[in-house]
Amino acid sequence: TFAVLVWSVSFFGLLFTMLWGALNKRNMEPSTPVKFGLGLAQLGLGFGALWYGAQHHDARGMVGVGWLVLGYLLHTTGELCLSPVGLSMVTKLAPARMVSTALGAWYLATAFSNQLAGAIAGLTGVHEEEGGGPQVIPLPTETVNTYGDVFGKIGIACAVATVLVLALSPILKKWMHEEPGQAAG
């Protein structure tokens, strides 16, 4: 599965590089803040797909694998709108003597987001019974709605963040002194 992940990121990375290049040649490349908004939108849609799949589970609490694949696809393409563009933006906007520090802050923010993801996973995970008894994994029918609710809430948060980023993108573009055809990434 790791090989599939690496292959998909490589494939879609090339695809997005070609997409941004083709749009740039036509002076249609989105600005960096709009790319961030597109990435957040895809992240939200990915969690929406996971939520929708959980809402339509079968009698055993099982969800079709297509929803997981769609969620990962949207998360991967959303990541490709954020990460390389963000790294490029940090490199361009940071003062020359502060580039390393700014990139370190970017990666530190990534670490904090991973910590937050772990905390969310811990809140929805299987917990050991009180009294030190054996840990029993609940049936999928007992947990699918819990996970679905979490995915839905994350999807809603991403939708709100998307609207904010896209609404602020003209202001952010102006602050960044980004000219047409100079979008990061």
Protein backbone atom coordinates (compact mmCIF):
# COMPACT_ATOMS: atom_id res chain seq x y z
CA THR A 1 0.00 0.00 0.00
CA PHE A 2 2.91 2.36 0.64
CA ALA A 3 4.12 1.77 -2.92
CA VAL A 4 0.66 2.66 -4.24
CA LEU A 5 0.70 5.86 -2.17
CA VAL A 6 4.15 6.83 -3.46
CA TRP A 7 3.13 6.02 -7.03
CA SER A 8 -0.11 8.02 -6.81
CA VAL A 9 1.61 11.08 -5.33
CA SER A 10 4.30 10.89 -8.04
CA PHE A 11 1.72 10.49 -10.81
CA PHE A 12 -0.54 13.26 -9.57
CA GLY A 13 2.48 15.45 -8.79
CA LEU A 14 3.48 15.30 -12.46
CA LEU A 15 -0.12 15.88 -13.49
CA PHE A 16 -0.43 18.98 -11.30
CA THR A 17 2.93 20.30 -12.52
CA MET A 18 1.68 20.01 -16.09
CA LEU A 19 -1.69 21.56 -15.13
CA TRP A 20 -0.15 24.61 -13.43
CA GLY A 21 2.30 25.02 -16.32
CA ALA A 22 -0.46 24.84 -18.94
CA LEU A 23 -2.63 27.30 -17.02
CA ASN A 24 0.35 29.64 -16.57
CA LYS A 25 0.98 29.70 -20.35
CA ARG A 26 -2.63 30.83 -20.81
CA ASN A 27 -2.40 33.37 -17.94
CA MET A 28 -5.08 31.36 -16.13
CA GLU A 29 -3.04 29.89 -13.28
CA PRO A 30 -4.79 30.45 -9.94
CA SER A 31 -3.03 32.58 -7.36
CA THR A 32 -1.33 30.93 -4.41
CA PRO A 33 -4.20 31.69 -1.98
CA VAL A 34 -6.72 30.26 -4.48
CA LYS A 35 -4.59 27.10 -4.76
CA PHE A 36 -4.70 26.85 -0.97
CA GLY A 37 -8.48 27.23 -1.12
CA LEU A 38 -8.68 24.50 -3.78
CA GLY A 39 -6.57 22.22 -1.59
CA LEU A 40 -8.81 22.82 1.42
CA ALA A 41 -11.90 22.22 -0.72
CA GLN A 42 -10.54 18.87 -1.87
CA LEU A 43 -9.64 17.94 1.70
CA GLY A 44 -13.21 18.74 2.75
CA LEU A 45 -14.64 16.78 -0.18
CA GLY A 46 -12.44 13.82 0.77
CA PHE A 47 -13.79 13.83 4.31
CA GLY A 48 -17.26 14.33 2.85
CA ALA A 49 -16.79 11.15 0.80
CA LEU A 50 -15.71 9.27 3.93
CA TRP A 51 -18.74 10.65 5.82
CA TYR A 52 -21.10 9.75 2.99
CA GLY A 53 -19.70 6.23 2.80
CA ALA A 54 -20.16 5.80 6.56
CA GLN A 55 -23.77 6.96 6.25
CA HIS A 56 -24.43 4.25 3.66
CA HIS A 57 -22.85 1.26 5.40
CA ASP A 58 -24.28 -2.22 5.02
CA ALA A 59 -26.00 -4.26 7.73
CA ARG A 60 -22.60 -5.37 9.09
CA GLY A 61 -21.38 -1.77 9.40
CA MET A 62 -19.04 -2.18 6.45
CA VAL A 63 -18.42 0.60 3.94
CA GLY A 64 -17.55 0.14 0.26
CA VAL A 65 -13.84 0.52 -0.49
CA GLY A 66 -14.66 3.01 -3.25
CA TRP A 67 -15.42 5.68 -0.63
CA LEU A 68 -11.98 5.17 0.93
CA VAL A 69 -10.28 5.34 -2.47
CA LEU A 70 -12.21 8.52 -3.37
CA GLY A 71 -11.33 10.06 0.00
CA TYR A 72 -7.62 9.28 -0.46
CA LEU A 73 -7.70 10.56 -4.04
CA LEU A 74 -9.19 13.87 -2.97
CA HIS A 75 -6.81 14.16 0.00
CA THR A 76 -3.82 13.45 -2.26
CA THR A 77 -4.80 16.01 -4.89
CA GLY A 78 -5.66 18.52 -2.17
CA GLU A 79 -2.25 18.00 -0.61
CA LEU A 80 -0.67 18.68 -3.98
CA CYS A 81 -2.45 22.04 -4.09
CA LEU A 82 -1.10 22.92 -0.63
CA SER A 83 2.29 21.46 0.16
CA PRO A 84 4.50 22.27 -2.85
CA VAL A 85 2.75 25.61 -3.30
CA GLY A 86 3.17 26.43 0.38
CA LEU A 87 6.84 25.53 0.39
CA SER A 88 7.39 27.69 -2.68
CA MET A 89 5.44 30.55 -1.12
CA VAL A 90 7.45 30.40 2.12
CA THR A 91 10.70 30.41 0.16
CA LYS A 92 9.62 33.39 -1.97
CA LEU A 93 8.08 35.52 0.79
CA ALA A 94 10.57 35.01 3.61
CA PRO A 95 13.48 37.45 3.84
CA ALA A 96 16.63 35.79 2.46
CA ARG A 97 18.26 35.44 5.87
CA MET A 98 15.07 33.92 7.35
CA VAL A 99 14.21 31.29 4.70
CA SER A 100 15.49 28.38 6.80
CA THR A 101 13.60 29.57 9.87
CA ALA A 102 10.41 30.09 7.86
CA LEU A 103 10.69 26.61 6.33
CA GLY A 104 11.27 25.21 9.81
CA ALA A 105 8.07 26.94 10.97
CA TRP A 106 6.23 25.39 7.99
CA TYR A 107 7.38 21.91 9.00
CA LEU A 108 6.65 22.62 12.67
CA ALA A 109 3.07 23.53 11.70
CA THR A 110 2.90 20.21 9.84
CA ALA A 111 4.08 18.42 12.98
CA PHE A 112 1.42 20.18 15.07
CA SER A 113 -1.26 19.17 12.56
CA ASN A 114 -0.11 15.56 12.81
CA GLN A 115 -0.31 15.83 16.60
CA LEU A 116 -3.86 17.17 16.30
CA ALA A 117 -4.78 14.32 13.95
CA GLY A 118 -3.44 11.85 16.50
CA ALA A 119 -5.51 13.47 19.25
CA ILE A 120 -8.66 13.26 17.12
CA ALA A 121 -7.91 9.62 16.35
CA GLY A 122 -7.40 8.97 20.07
CA LEU A 123 -10.81 10.41 20.86
CA THR A 124 -12.50 8.11 18.36
CA GLY A 125 -10.40 5.01 19.00
CA VAL A 126 -11.09 1.84 20.93
CA HIS A 127 -10.26 2.26 24.61
CA GLU A 128 -9.28 -0.33 27.19
CA GLU A 129 -12.02 -1.39 29.55
CA GLU A 130 -11.83 -0.09 33.11
CA GLY A 131 -10.44 -2.60 35.54
CA GLY A 132 -7.64 -3.77 33.25
CA GLY A 133 -9.75 -6.31 31.36
CA PRO A 134 -8.94 -7.35 27.83
CA GLN A 135 -9.42 -4.80 25.10
CA VAL A 136 -12.36 -5.77 22.94
CA ILE A 137 -12.68 -4.36 19.45
CA PRO A 138 -16.30 -3.30 18.94
CA LEU A 139 -18.30 -4.40 15.95
CA PRO A 140 -18.25 -2.05 12.94
CA THR A 141 -21.99 -1.44 13.39
CA GLU A 142 -21.17 0.11 16.78
CA THR A 143 -18.43 2.45 15.51
CA VAL A 144 -19.18 3.36 11.90
CA ASN A 145 -21.44 6.27 12.87
CA THR A 146 -18.85 7.61 15.33
CA TYR A 147 -16.20 7.73 12.63
CA GLY A 148 -18.70 9.09 10.12
CA ASP A 149 -19.63 11.92 12.49
CA VAL A 150 -15.96 12.84 12.96
CA PHE A 151 -15.36 12.81 9.20
CA GLY A 152 -18.44 14.97 8.68
CA LYS A 153 -17.32 17.55 11.24
CA ILE A 154 -13.84 17.74 9.72
CA GLY A 155 -15.43 18.14 6.28
CA ILE A 156 -17.57 21.04 7.56
CA ALA A 157 -14.52 22.70 9.15
CA CYS A 158 -12.68 22.37 5.82
CA ALA A 159 -15.65 23.91 3.98
CA VAL A 160 -15.66 26.90 6.33
CA ALA A 161 -11.87 27.28 5.95
CA THR A 162 -12.23 27.04 2.16
CA VAL A 163 -14.79 29.85 2.08
CA LEU A 164 -12.60 32.04 4.31
CA VAL A 165 -9.44 31.44 2.27
CA LEU A 166 -11.20 32.05 -1.05
CA ALA A 167 -12.92 35.18 0.31
CA LEU A 168 -9.59 36.53 1.58
CA SER A 169 -7.60 35.48 -1.50
CA PRO A 170 -7.75 38.88 -3.29
CA ILE A 171 -6.40 40.60 -0.17
CA LEU A 172 -3.76 37.93 0.40
CA LYS A 173 -2.68 38.09 -3.25
CA LYS A 174 -2.27 41.86 -2.93
CA TRP A 175 -0.21 41.50 0.25
CA MET A 176 1.98 38.90 -1.46
CA HIS A 177 2.64 41.24 -4.42
CA GLU A 178 1.83 38.31 -6.68
CA GLU A 179 1.52 39.28 -10.30
CA PRO A 180 -0.48 37.29 -12.88
CA GLY A 181 1.56 34.31 -14.06
CA GLN A 182 3.70 34.33 -10.90
CA ALA A 183 1.72 31.96 -8.72
CA ALA A 184 3.80 29.74 -6.48
CA GLY A 185 4.19 26.09 -7.29
